[in-house]
Amino acid sequence: MPVWLFDLDNTLHDASPHIFPHINRSMVAYICQHLGVNEDEATRLRQHYWQRYGATLLGLMRHHAIDPNHFLRHTHDFPDLRPMLVFERALKAMLGRLPGRKIVFSNAPGRYSEAVLEMTGIRRCFDAVYSVERIGFQPKPAVAGFRHLLRSERLHAQRCIMVEDALPNLRTAKRLGMKTVWVSAATRQAAWVDVRLASILDLPRHLARL
């Protein structure tokens, strides 16, 4: 039986309309306050570290000695998360049709990840949630986070199917020997993608290709 590794943001739900803008504003404000830079420079650093490391957090840890727990607590604070969530109502039923274990593997912090899963009604579909804290602040696409999860769950990469919206993360998964599913409306092709889906709800129809 396969083991499914699901990304969270923009894979299991659509974070782009409300959640990502809120996080981005919070990160810029945090960088302004704690690094003493203006908003333009804070925005540049946020984007630069995200592009270089896959997560703004990692750049701030490496280059500015930022406390990761403090950063995550302040940048993923949602006084009213529920109305910001955008997700497919058929998501729970779709997950129930997939054979094998299911694990969430996200660069987001644990408290936020658990809240999203509970509010979308799919928490019980997953055996485990690997947040950025749980993988030792080694966010995707770094291979160390993948290996931490595989060791902890006693898994062989060849058994796993990674479902993601971010191509760099899928590249690492493929190099480790995983099958890969890219959730994206884009039409481009990537050699390390086995299946591309415009909607995650289409996943059960492509099982034969995985």
N, C-alpha and C. Protein backbone atom coordinates (compact mmCIF):
# COMPACT_ATOMS: atom_id res chain seq x y z
N MET A 1 0.85 -1.21 0.00
CA MET A 1 0.00 0.00 0.00
C MET A 1 0.88 1.25 0.00
N PRO A 2 0.48 2.26 -0.73
CA PRO A 2 1.29 3.49 -0.76
C PRO A 2 1.13 4.30 0.53
N VAL A 3 2.07 5.21 0.74
CA VAL A 3 1.96 6.21 1.80
C VAL A 3 1.94 7.57 1.10
N TRP A 4 0.89 8.32 1.34
CA TRP A 4 0.69 9.62 0.70
C TRP A 4 1.25 10.73 1.59
N LEU A 5 2.10 11.57 1.02
CA LEU A 5 2.62 12.75 1.72
C LEU A 5 2.00 13.98 1.07
N PHE A 6 1.15 14.65 1.81
CA PHE A 6 0.44 15.81 1.28
C PHE A 6 1.01 17.11 1.83
N ASP A 7 1.35 18.02 0.93
CA ASP A 7 1.59 19.40 1.32
C ASP A 7 0.25 19.98 1.80
N LEU A 8 0.31 21.09 2.53
CA LEU A 8 -0.91 21.69 3.06
C LEU A 8 -1.37 22.89 2.23
N ASP A 9 -0.65 24.00 2.33
CA ASP A 9 -1.08 25.25 1.69
C ASP A 9 -0.99 25.16 0.17
N ASN A 10 -2.07 25.53 -0.48
CA ASN A 10 -2.22 25.50 -1.93
C ASN A 10 -2.16 24.08 -2.51
N THR A 11 -2.35 23.10 -1.64
CA THR A 11 -2.50 21.72 -2.09
C THR A 11 -3.80 21.16 -1.53
N LEU A 12 -3.93 21.12 -0.22
CA LEU A 12 -5.17 20.67 0.41
C LEU A 12 -6.19 21.79 0.53
N HIS A 13 -5.74 23.03 0.48
CA HIS A 13 -6.66 24.17 0.47
C HIS A 13 -5.99 25.30 -0.30
N ASP A 14 -6.75 26.31 -0.65
CA ASP A 14 -6.26 27.44 -1.45
C ASP A 14 -5.89 28.58 -0.51
N ALA A 15 -4.60 28.73 -0.28
CA ALA A 15 -4.13 29.78 0.64
C ALA A 15 -3.93 31.12 -0.04
N SER A 16 -4.00 31.16 -1.36
CA SER A 16 -3.65 32.39 -2.09
C SER A 16 -4.59 33.56 -1.85
N PRO A 17 -5.91 33.38 -1.79
CA PRO A 17 -6.79 34.55 -1.68
C PRO A 17 -6.64 35.34 -0.38
N HIS A 18 -6.53 34.66 0.75
CA HIS A 18 -6.59 35.35 2.04
C HIS A 18 -5.42 35.03 2.98
N ILE A 19 -5.04 33.76 3.04
CA ILE A 19 -4.06 33.34 4.05
C ILE A 19 -2.65 33.79 3.71
N PHE A 20 -2.21 33.54 2.48
CA PHE A 20 -0.85 33.95 2.11
C PHE A 20 -0.66 35.47 2.18
N PRO A 21 -1.61 36.28 1.70
CA PRO A 21 -1.42 37.73 1.87
C PRO A 21 -1.27 38.14 3.33
N HIS A 22 -2.05 37.51 4.22
CA HIS A 22 -1.95 37.82 5.66
C HIS A 22 -0.57 37.43 6.20
N ILE A 23 -0.09 36.24 5.83
CA ILE A 23 1.22 35.78 6.29
C ILE A 23 2.32 36.68 5.75
N ASN A 24 2.23 37.03 4.47
CA ASN A 24 3.25 37.88 3.87
C ASN A 24 3.32 39.24 4.55
N ARG A 25 2.17 39.83 4.83
CA ARG A 25 2.16 41.12 5.54
C ARG A 25 2.77 40.97 6.94
N SER A 26 2.44 39.89 7.60
CA SER A 26 2.96 39.66 8.95
C SER A 26 4.47 39.46 8.93
N MET A 27 4.97 38.75 7.90
CA MET A 27 6.42 38.54 7.79
C MET A 27 7.15 39.85 7.54
N VAL A 28 6.60 40.67 6.65
CA VAL A 28 7.24 41.96 6.36
C VAL A 28 7.27 42.82 7.62
N ALA A 29 6.18 42.87 8.36
CA ALA A 29 6.14 43.64 9.61
C ALA A 29 7.14 43.11 10.62
N TYR A 30 7.25 41.80 10.71
CA TYR A 30 8.20 41.18 11.65
C TYR A 30 9.64 41.53 11.27
N ILE A 31 9.97 41.42 9.98
CA ILE A 31 11.33 41.71 9.53
C ILE A 31 11.66 43.19 9.75
N CYS A 32 10.70 44.07 9.46
CA CYS A 32 10.91 45.50 9.73
C CYS A 32 11.26 45.73 11.20
N GLN A 33 10.48 45.14 12.07
CA GLN A 33 10.65 45.37 13.51
C GLN A 33 11.94 44.77 14.05
N HIS A 34 12.24 43.54 13.64
CA HIS A 34 13.35 42.82 14.28
C HIS A 34 14.69 42.99 13.58
N LEU A 35 14.68 43.43 12.31
CA LEU A 35 15.94 43.68 11.62
C LEU A 35 16.19 45.17 11.44
N GLY A 36 15.20 46.00 11.76
CA GLY A 36 15.38 47.44 11.68
C GLY A 36 15.52 47.96 10.26
N VAL A 37 14.77 47.34 9.32
CA VAL A 37 14.81 47.78 7.93
C VAL A 37 13.45 48.34 7.53
N ASN A 38 13.43 49.03 6.39
CA ASN A 38 12.15 49.58 5.93
C ASN A 38 11.33 48.50 5.23
N GLU A 39 10.11 48.87 4.84
CA GLU A 39 9.18 47.88 4.28
C GLU A 39 9.67 47.31 2.95
N ASP A 40 10.28 48.16 2.12
CA ASP A 40 10.78 47.67 0.83
C ASP A 40 11.88 46.63 1.01
N GLU A 41 12.80 46.91 1.93
CA GLU A 41 13.89 45.96 2.18
C GLU A 41 13.37 44.69 2.84
N ALA A 42 12.40 44.83 3.71
CA ALA A 42 11.81 43.65 4.35
C ALA A 42 11.12 42.77 3.32
N THR A 43 10.42 43.39 2.38
CA THR A 43 9.76 42.63 1.31
C THR A 43 10.79 41.92 0.44
N ARG A 44 11.88 42.62 0.13
CA ARG A 44 12.94 42.01 -0.68
C ARG A 44 13.54 40.80 0.03
N LEU A 45 13.84 40.95 1.31
CA LEU A 45 14.43 39.84 2.07
C LEU A 45 13.47 38.65 2.16
N ARG A 46 12.20 38.95 2.40
CA ARG A 46 11.21 37.86 2.49
C ARG A 46 11.19 37.04 1.21
N GLN A 47 11.14 37.74 0.07
CA GLN A 47 11.06 37.05 -1.21
C GLN A 47 12.38 36.36 -1.55
N HIS A 48 13.50 37.01 -1.26
CA HIS A 48 14.81 36.45 -1.57
C HIS A 48 15.04 35.15 -0.81
N TYR A 49 14.76 35.15 0.48
CA TYR A 49 14.99 33.95 1.28
C TYR A 49 14.01 32.83 0.91
N TRP A 50 12.79 33.21 0.55
CA TRP A 50 11.83 32.20 0.12
C TRP A 50 12.29 31.53 -1.17
N GLN A 51 12.78 32.32 -2.12
CA GLN A 51 13.25 31.76 -3.38
C GLN A 51 14.53 30.95 -3.21
N ARG A 52 15.40 31.39 -2.31
CA ARG A 52 16.70 30.71 -2.15
C ARG A 52 16.58 29.43 -1.33
N TYR A 53 15.76 29.47 -0.27
CA TYR A 53 15.73 28.35 0.67
C TYR A 53 14.41 27.58 0.68
N GLY A 54 13.40 28.08 0.01
CA GLY A 54 12.10 27.44 0.06
C GLY A 54 11.24 27.93 1.20
N ALA A 55 11.83 28.70 2.11
CA ALA A 55 11.10 29.27 3.25
C ALA A 55 11.85 30.50 3.75
N THR A 56 11.13 31.59 3.94
CA THR A 56 11.73 32.81 4.48
C THR A 56 12.39 32.55 5.82
N LEU A 57 11.76 31.71 6.62
CA LEU A 57 12.27 31.39 7.96
C LEU A 57 13.72 30.93 7.93
N LEU A 58 14.07 30.05 7.00
CA LEU A 58 15.41 29.48 6.99
C LEU A 58 16.47 30.56 6.74
N GLY A 59 16.18 31.48 5.84
CA GLY A 59 17.11 32.58 5.60
C GLY A 59 17.29 33.46 6.81
N LEU A 60 16.20 33.74 7.52
CA LEU A 60 16.28 34.57 8.72
C LEU A 60 17.06 33.87 9.83
N MET A 61 16.90 32.54 9.92
CA MET A 61 17.67 31.78 10.91
C MET A 61 19.16 31.78 10.58
N ARG A 62 19.48 31.56 9.32
CA ARG A 62 20.88 31.41 8.91
C ARG A 62 21.64 32.73 8.92
N HIS A 63 20.96 33.80 8.53
CA HIS A 63 21.67 35.06 8.33
C HIS A 63 21.41 36.11 9.41
N HIS A 64 20.38 35.91 10.24
CA HIS A 64 20.04 36.94 11.22
C HIS A 64 19.76 36.37 12.62
N ALA A 65 19.99 35.08 12.80
CA ALA A 65 19.82 34.43 14.11
C ALA A 65 18.43 34.66 14.71
N ILE A 66 17.43 34.68 13.85
CA ILE A 66 16.05 34.84 14.32
C ILE A 66 15.59 33.56 15.01
N ASP A 67 14.89 33.69 16.13
CA ASP A 67 14.32 32.55 16.85
C ASP A 67 13.13 32.02 16.04
N PRO A 68 13.21 30.79 15.54
CA PRO A 68 12.15 30.30 14.65
C PRO A 68 10.78 30.22 15.30
N ASN A 69 10.72 29.80 16.55
CA ASN A 69 9.42 29.68 17.21
C ASN A 69 8.76 31.03 17.40
N HIS A 70 9.56 32.03 17.75
CA HIS A 70 9.05 33.39 17.91
C HIS A 70 8.53 33.92 16.58
N PHE A 71 9.30 33.70 15.52
CA PHE A 71 8.91 34.15 14.17
C PHE A 71 7.60 33.49 13.74
N LEU A 72 7.50 32.18 13.88
CA LEU A 72 6.31 31.46 13.43
C LEU A 72 5.08 31.86 14.23
N ARG A 73 5.26 32.06 15.51
CA ARG A 73 4.13 32.44 16.37
C ARG A 73 3.55 33.78 15.93
N HIS A 74 4.41 34.72 15.56
CA HIS A 74 3.94 36.06 15.21
C HIS A 74 3.49 36.19 13.76
N THR A 75 3.99 35.34 12.88
CA THR A 75 3.64 35.48 11.46
C THR A 75 2.48 34.56 11.05
N HIS A 76 2.14 33.61 11.89
CA HIS A 76 1.01 32.72 11.59
C HIS A 76 -0.08 32.87 12.64
N ASP A 77 -0.28 34.09 13.09
CA ASP A 77 -1.32 34.39 14.07
C ASP A 77 -2.58 34.82 13.32
N PHE A 78 -3.63 34.03 13.47
CA PHE A 78 -4.89 34.30 12.77
C PHE A 78 -6.01 34.45 13.79
N PRO A 79 -6.42 35.69 14.10
CA PRO A 79 -7.51 35.87 15.05
C PRO A 79 -8.81 35.21 14.60
N ASP A 80 -9.03 35.12 13.28
CA ASP A 80 -10.26 34.52 12.77
C ASP A 80 -9.94 33.77 11.47
N LEU A 81 -9.42 32.55 11.62
CA LEU A 81 -8.93 31.79 10.47
C LEU A 81 -10.05 31.21 9.62
N ARG A 82 -11.12 30.77 10.23
CA ARG A 82 -12.14 30.00 9.51
C ARG A 82 -12.67 30.71 8.25
N PRO A 83 -13.07 31.98 8.32
CA PRO A 83 -13.61 32.60 7.09
C PRO A 83 -12.56 32.84 6.01
N MET A 84 -11.28 32.67 6.35
CA MET A 84 -10.22 32.87 5.36
C MET A 84 -9.93 31.59 4.56
N LEU A 85 -10.47 30.47 5.01
CA LEU A 85 -10.18 29.19 4.37
C LEU A 85 -10.99 29.01 3.09
N VAL A 86 -10.31 28.56 2.04
CA VAL A 86 -10.94 28.24 0.76
C VAL A 86 -10.55 26.80 0.42
N PHE A 87 -11.54 25.91 0.38
CA PHE A 87 -11.22 24.50 0.12
C PHE A 87 -12.42 23.81 -0.54
N GLU A 88 -12.14 22.66 -1.12
CA GLU A 88 -13.16 21.88 -1.81
C GLU A 88 -13.98 21.10 -0.78
N ARG A 89 -15.30 21.22 -0.86
CA ARG A 89 -16.15 20.52 0.12
C ARG A 89 -16.07 19.01 -0.02
N ALA A 90 -15.69 18.54 -1.21
CA ALA A 90 -15.59 17.10 -1.45
C ALA A 90 -14.22 16.52 -1.06
N LEU A 91 -13.39 17.33 -0.43
CA LEU A 91 -12.02 16.92 -0.12
C LEU A 91 -11.97 15.70 0.80
N LYS A 92 -12.77 15.70 1.85
CA LYS A 92 -12.75 14.58 2.81
C LYS A 92 -13.14 13.28 2.14
N ALA A 93 -14.18 13.31 1.32
CA ALA A 93 -14.62 12.10 0.62
C ALA A 93 -13.55 11.61 -0.34
N MET A 94 -12.87 12.53 -1.03
CA MET A 94 -11.80 12.15 -1.95
C MET A 94 -10.67 11.45 -1.22
N LEU A 95 -10.25 12.02 -0.09
CA LEU A 95 -9.17 11.41 0.69
C LEU A 95 -9.55 10.01 1.16
N GLY A 96 -10.80 9.85 1.49
CA GLY A 96 -11.28 8.54 1.94
C GLY A 96 -11.21 7.47 0.87
N ARG A 97 -11.16 7.87 -0.39
CA ARG A 97 -11.10 6.91 -1.49
C ARG A 97 -9.68 6.49 -1.82
N LEU A 98 -8.68 7.14 -1.24
CA LEU A 98 -7.29 6.81 -1.54
C LEU A 98 -6.81 5.67 -0.65
N PRO A 99 -6.23 4.62 -1.23
CA PRO A 99 -5.72 3.53 -0.41
C PRO A 99 -4.40 3.90 0.26
N GLY A 100 -4.18 3.39 1.47
CA GLY A 100 -2.91 3.61 2.14
C GLY A 100 -2.94 4.72 3.18
N ARG A 101 -1.84 4.84 3.89
CA ARG A 101 -1.70 5.87 4.93
C ARG A 101 -1.52 7.25 4.30
N LYS A 102 -1.89 8.27 5.09
CA LYS A 102 -1.78 9.64 4.62
C LYS A 102 -1.12 10.49 5.71
N ILE A 103 -0.15 11.31 5.30
CA ILE A 103 0.61 12.16 6.21
C ILE A 103 0.67 13.56 5.62
N VAL A 104 0.50 14.57 6.45
CA VAL A 104 0.70 15.95 6.02
C VAL A 104 2.17 16.31 6.23
N PHE A 105 2.79 16.89 5.21
CA PHE A 105 4.20 17.29 5.25
C PHE A 105 4.26 18.74 4.79
N SER A 106 4.37 19.66 5.74
CA SER A 106 4.21 21.09 5.44
C SER A 106 5.35 21.92 5.99
N ASN A 107 5.67 23.02 5.31
CA ASN A 107 6.61 24.00 5.84
C ASN A 107 5.97 24.94 6.84
N ALA A 108 4.67 24.81 7.04
CA ALA A 108 3.95 25.68 7.98
C ALA A 108 4.14 25.18 9.41
N PRO A 109 3.89 26.04 10.41
CA PRO A 109 4.01 25.62 11.81
C PRO A 109 2.87 24.69 12.23
N GLY A 110 3.12 23.96 13.30
CA GLY A 110 2.18 22.93 13.74
C GLY A 110 0.83 23.45 14.16
N ARG A 111 0.79 24.49 14.96
CA ARG A 111 -0.48 24.98 15.46
C ARG A 111 -1.39 25.43 14.32
N TYR A 112 -0.82 26.14 13.37
CA TYR A 112 -1.58 26.58 12.19
C TYR A 112 -2.03 25.38 11.37
N SER A 113 -1.14 24.43 11.11
CA SER A 113 -1.48 23.26 10.30
C SER A 113 -2.62 22.48 10.92
N GLU A 114 -2.54 22.24 12.21
CA GLU A 114 -3.60 21.49 12.90
C GLU A 114 -4.93 22.25 12.82
N ALA A 115 -4.87 23.56 12.96
CA ALA A 115 -6.10 24.36 12.90
C ALA A 115 -6.76 24.27 11.53
N VAL A 116 -5.95 24.36 10.46
CA VAL A 116 -6.50 24.26 9.11
C VAL A 116 -7.13 22.90 8.88
N LEU A 117 -6.45 21.85 9.30
CA LEU A 117 -6.97 20.49 9.11
C LEU A 117 -8.26 20.27 9.87
N GLU A 118 -8.34 20.79 11.09
CA GLU A 118 -9.56 20.65 11.88
C GLU A 118 -10.71 21.42 11.25
N MET A 119 -10.45 22.65 10.84
CA MET A 119 -11.51 23.50 10.31
C MET A 119 -12.01 23.04 8.95
N THR A 120 -11.17 22.36 8.20
CA THR A 120 -11.62 21.82 6.91
C THR A 120 -12.23 20.43 7.06
N GLY A 121 -12.20 19.90 8.28
CA GLY A 121 -12.85 18.63 8.57
C GLY A 121 -12.10 17.40 8.09
N ILE A 122 -10.78 17.53 7.85
CA ILE A 122 -10.02 16.40 7.29
C ILE A 122 -8.92 15.89 8.22
N ARG A 123 -8.85 16.41 9.46
CA ARG A 123 -7.75 15.99 10.33
C ARG A 123 -7.69 14.49 10.52
N ARG A 124 -8.86 13.86 10.67
CA ARG A 124 -8.88 12.42 10.94
C ARG A 124 -8.49 11.57 9.74
N CYS A 125 -8.34 12.20 8.58
CA CYS A 125 -7.89 11.47 7.39
C CYS A 125 -6.39 11.17 7.45
N PHE A 126 -5.67 11.84 8.35
CA PHE A 126 -4.21 11.76 8.36
C PHE A 126 -3.69 11.10 9.62
N ASP A 127 -2.69 10.23 9.44
CA ASP A 127 -2.06 9.53 10.56
C ASP A 127 -1.09 10.44 11.32
N ALA A 128 -0.52 11.41 10.63
CA ALA A 128 0.49 12.27 11.27
C ALA A 128 0.57 13.59 10.53
N VAL A 129 1.06 14.60 11.24
CA VAL A 129 1.30 15.92 10.66
C VAL A 129 2.75 16.31 10.94
N TYR A 130 3.52 16.48 9.88
CA TYR A 130 4.91 16.92 10.01
C TYR A 130 4.99 18.39 9.63
N SER A 131 5.04 19.23 10.66
CA SER A 131 5.17 20.67 10.48
C SER A 131 6.66 21.02 10.44
N VAL A 132 6.96 22.29 10.22
CA VAL A 132 8.36 22.71 10.09
C VAL A 132 9.12 22.50 11.40
N GLU A 133 8.45 22.63 12.54
CA GLU A 133 9.13 22.37 13.82
C GLU A 133 9.49 20.90 13.94
N ARG A 134 8.58 20.04 13.49
CA ARG A 134 8.77 18.60 13.69
C ARG A 134 9.89 18.04 12.81
N ILE A 135 10.23 18.73 11.73
CA ILE A 135 11.35 18.29 10.89
C ILE A 135 12.61 19.09 11.19
N GLY A 136 12.69 19.65 12.39
CA GLY A 136 13.90 20.33 12.83
C GLY A 136 14.21 21.61 12.08
N PHE A 137 13.16 22.32 11.64
CA PHE A 137 13.32 23.58 10.90
C PHE A 137 14.20 23.38 9.66
N GLN A 138 13.99 22.26 8.97
CA GLN A 138 14.65 21.98 7.68
C GLN A 138 13.56 21.89 6.62
N PRO A 139 13.00 23.04 6.21
CA PRO A 139 11.82 23.03 5.34
C PRO A 139 12.12 22.49 3.94
N LYS A 140 11.07 21.99 3.30
CA LYS A 140 11.18 21.63 1.88
C LYS A 140 11.64 22.85 1.09
N PRO A 141 12.46 22.71 0.07
CA PRO A 141 12.88 21.47 -0.59
C PRO A 141 14.13 20.81 -0.03
N ALA A 142 14.64 21.27 1.11
CA ALA A 142 15.85 20.65 1.68
C ALA A 142 15.62 19.16 1.93
N VAL A 143 16.58 18.35 1.55
CA VAL A 143 16.42 16.90 1.66
C VAL A 143 16.39 16.44 3.11
N ALA A 144 16.98 17.22 4.02
CA ALA A 144 17.04 16.80 5.42
C ALA A 144 15.66 16.62 6.03
N GLY A 145 14.72 17.49 5.70
CA GLY A 145 13.37 17.38 6.23
C GLY A 145 12.68 16.11 5.74
N PHE A 146 12.86 15.81 4.46
CA PHE A 146 12.31 14.57 3.89
C PHE A 146 12.87 13.36 4.63
N ARG A 147 14.18 13.35 4.82
CA ARG A 147 14.81 12.19 5.46
C ARG A 147 14.37 12.05 6.92
N HIS A 148 14.17 13.18 7.58
CA HIS A 148 13.68 13.13 8.96
C HIS A 148 12.32 12.44 9.01
N LEU A 149 11.43 12.82 8.12
CA LEU A 149 10.10 12.20 8.09
C LEU A 149 10.20 10.71 7.78
N LEU A 150 10.99 10.35 6.78
CA LEU A 150 11.12 8.95 6.40
C LEU A 150 11.68 8.11 7.55
N ARG A 151 12.68 8.63 8.24
CA ARG A 151 13.25 7.91 9.40
C ARG A 151 12.22 7.76 10.51
N SER A 152 11.54 8.85 10.82
CA SER A 152 10.59 8.85 11.94
C SER A 152 9.44 7.88 11.69
N GLU A 153 8.99 7.78 10.44
CA GLU A 153 7.87 6.91 10.10
C GLU A 153 8.30 5.52 9.62
N ARG A 154 9.63 5.31 9.59
CA ARG A 154 10.19 4.03 9.12
C ARG A 154 9.67 3.69 7.71
N LEU A 155 9.83 4.65 6.83
CA LEU A 155 9.32 4.50 5.46
C LEU A 155 10.46 4.43 4.46
N HIS A 156 10.23 3.69 3.39
CA HIS A 156 11.10 3.74 2.21
C HIS A 156 10.49 4.74 1.23
N ALA A 157 11.34 5.57 0.67
CA ALA A 157 10.86 6.61 -0.24
C ALA A 157 10.07 6.01 -1.41
N GLN A 158 10.46 4.82 -1.85
CA GLN A 158 9.80 4.20 -2.99
C GLN A 158 8.33 3.88 -2.72
N ARG A 159 7.93 3.82 -1.46
CA ARG A 159 6.53 3.57 -1.11
C ARG A 159 5.69 4.84 -1.13
N CYS A 160 6.35 6.00 -1.19
CA CYS A 160 5.66 7.27 -0.95
C CYS A 160 5.24 7.96 -2.24
N ILE A 161 4.12 8.67 -2.14
CA ILE A 161 3.64 9.54 -3.22
C ILE A 161 3.52 10.95 -2.64
N MET A 162 4.30 11.88 -3.17
CA MET A 162 4.29 13.26 -2.70
C MET A 162 3.32 14.08 -3.54
N VAL A 163 2.37 14.76 -2.86
CA VAL A 163 1.37 15.59 -3.53
C VAL A 163 1.63 17.04 -3.13
N GLU A 164 1.94 17.89 -4.09
CA GLU A 164 2.48 19.22 -3.82
C GLU A 164 2.06 20.22 -4.89
N ASP A 165 2.11 21.50 -4.53
CA ASP A 165 1.93 22.56 -5.53
C ASP A 165 3.27 23.16 -5.96
N ALA A 166 4.36 22.87 -5.23
CA ALA A 166 5.66 23.52 -5.49
C ALA A 166 6.62 22.56 -6.19
N LEU A 167 7.03 22.91 -7.40
CA LEU A 167 7.92 22.04 -8.18
C LEU A 167 9.26 21.75 -7.51
N PRO A 168 9.93 22.71 -6.86
CA PRO A 168 11.21 22.37 -6.22
C PRO A 168 11.07 21.27 -5.17
N ASN A 169 9.95 21.26 -4.46
CA ASN A 169 9.73 20.23 -3.44
C ASN A 169 9.53 18.86 -4.08
N LEU A 170 8.84 18.84 -5.22
CA LEU A 170 8.64 17.59 -5.93
C LEU A 170 9.94 17.08 -6.53
N ARG A 171 10.84 17.98 -6.89
CA ARG A 171 12.13 17.55 -7.43
C ARG A 171 12.91 16.77 -6.37
N THR A 172 12.92 17.26 -5.13
CA THR A 172 13.59 16.53 -4.06
C THR A 172 12.93 15.18 -3.83
N ALA A 173 11.60 15.17 -3.82
CA ALA A 173 10.87 13.91 -3.62
C ALA A 173 11.24 12.89 -4.69
N LYS A 174 11.30 13.32 -5.93
CA LYS A 174 11.62 12.41 -7.04
C LYS A 174 13.06 11.90 -6.92
N ARG A 175 13.98 12.76 -6.53
CA ARG A 175 15.38 12.33 -6.37
C ARG A 175 15.52 11.26 -5.29
N LEU A 176 14.65 11.32 -4.30
CA LEU A 176 14.68 10.31 -3.24
C LEU A 176 14.01 9.01 -3.65
N GLY A 177 13.29 9.04 -4.76
CA GLY A 177 12.64 7.83 -5.25
C GLY A 177 11.14 7.80 -5.10
N MET A 178 10.54 8.92 -4.72
CA MET A 178 9.09 8.97 -4.55
C MET A 178 8.38 9.18 -5.88
N LYS A 179 7.11 8.78 -5.95
CA LYS A 179 6.22 9.20 -7.02
C LYS A 179 5.78 10.63 -6.70
N THR A 180 5.44 11.39 -7.74
CA THR A 180 5.14 12.81 -7.53
C THR A 180 3.85 13.23 -8.24
N VAL A 181 3.07 14.03 -7.52
CA VAL A 181 1.83 14.60 -8.06
C VAL A 181 1.90 16.11 -7.89
N TRP A 182 1.79 16.82 -8.99
CA TRP A 182 1.84 18.29 -8.97
C TRP A 182 0.42 18.84 -9.09
N VAL A 183 -0.02 19.56 -8.08
CA VAL A 183 -1.34 20.19 -8.10
C VAL A 183 -1.16 21.61 -8.63
N SER A 184 -1.54 21.79 -9.89
CA SER A 184 -1.30 23.09 -10.53
C SER A 184 -2.13 23.19 -11.80
N ALA A 185 -2.57 24.41 -12.08
CA ALA A 185 -3.29 24.67 -13.34
C ALA A 185 -2.32 24.99 -14.48
N ALA A 186 -1.04 25.03 -14.18
CA ALA A 186 -0.04 25.35 -15.21
C ALA A 186 0.01 24.26 -16.27
N THR A 187 0.46 24.61 -17.44
CA THR A 187 0.53 23.65 -18.55
C THR A 187 1.95 23.17 -18.80
N ARG A 188 2.94 23.73 -18.14
CA ARG A 188 4.33 23.32 -18.38
C ARG A 188 4.54 21.88 -17.91
N GLN A 189 5.58 21.27 -18.42
CA GLN A 189 5.94 19.91 -18.04
C GLN A 189 7.22 19.94 -17.22
N ALA A 190 7.36 18.98 -16.32
CA ALA A 190 8.59 18.83 -15.55
C ALA A 190 8.93 17.35 -15.49
N ALA A 191 10.19 17.04 -15.73
CA ALA A 191 10.61 15.63 -15.82
C ALA A 191 10.40 14.88 -14.52
N TRP A 192 10.35 15.60 -13.40
CA TRP A 192 10.23 14.93 -12.11
C TRP A 192 8.78 14.85 -11.60
N VAL A 193 7.82 15.14 -12.48
CA VAL A 193 6.40 15.05 -12.13
C VAL A 193 5.78 13.84 -12.83
N ASP A 194 5.19 12.94 -12.06
CA ASP A 194 4.52 11.78 -12.64
C ASP A 194 3.10 12.10 -13.09
N VAL A 195 2.39 12.89 -12.29
CA VAL A 195 1.00 13.25 -12.62
C VAL A 195 0.79 14.72 -12.28
N ARG A 196 0.15 15.47 -13.19
CA ARG A 196 -0.23 16.86 -12.89
C ARG A 196 -1.74 16.94 -12.84
N LEU A 197 -2.26 17.58 -11.81
CA LEU A 197 -3.70 17.72 -11.63
C LEU A 197 -4.06 19.20 -11.52
N ALA A 198 -5.09 19.62 -12.22
CA ALA A 198 -5.60 20.98 -12.04
C ALA A 198 -6.37 21.08 -10.73
N SER A 199 -6.99 19.98 -10.31
CA SER A 199 -7.73 19.94 -9.05
C SER A 199 -7.34 18.69 -8.28
N ILE A 200 -7.11 18.84 -7.00
CA ILE A 200 -6.76 17.70 -6.17
C ILE A 200 -7.88 16.67 -6.13
N LEU A 201 -9.10 17.09 -6.41
CA LEU A 201 -10.22 16.15 -6.41
C LEU A 201 -10.10 15.09 -7.51
N ASP A 202 -9.25 15.35 -8.49
CA ASP A 202 -9.05 14.40 -9.59
C ASP A 202 -8.10 13.26 -9.22
N LEU A 203 -7.49 13.31 -8.05
CA LEU A 203 -6.45 12.35 -7.69
C LEU A 203 -6.88 10.88 -7.80
N PRO A 204 -8.03 10.48 -7.29
CA PRO A 204 -8.39 9.05 -7.37
C PRO A 204 -8.46 8.52 -8.80
N ARG A 205 -8.75 9.37 -9.77
CA ARG A 205 -8.87 8.92 -11.16
C ARG A 205 -7.52 8.59 -11.79
N HIS A 206 -6.43 8.96 -11.12
CA HIS A 206 -5.09 8.76 -11.67
C HIS A 206 -4.27 7.73 -10.90
N LEU A 207 -4.93 6.96 -10.05
CA LEU A 207 -4.21 5.98 -9.24
C LEU A 207 -3.40 4.99 -10.08
N ALA A 208 -3.94 4.62 -11.22
CA ALA A 208 -3.25 3.63 -12.07
C ALA A 208 -1.89 4.13 -12.55
N ARG A 209 -1.70 5.44 -12.60
CA ARG A 209 -0.44 6.02 -13.06
C ARG A 209 0.57 6.17 -11.93
N LEU A 210 0.15 5.82 -10.72
CA LEU A 210 1.03 5.99 -9.56
C LEU A 210 1.36 4.64 -8.91
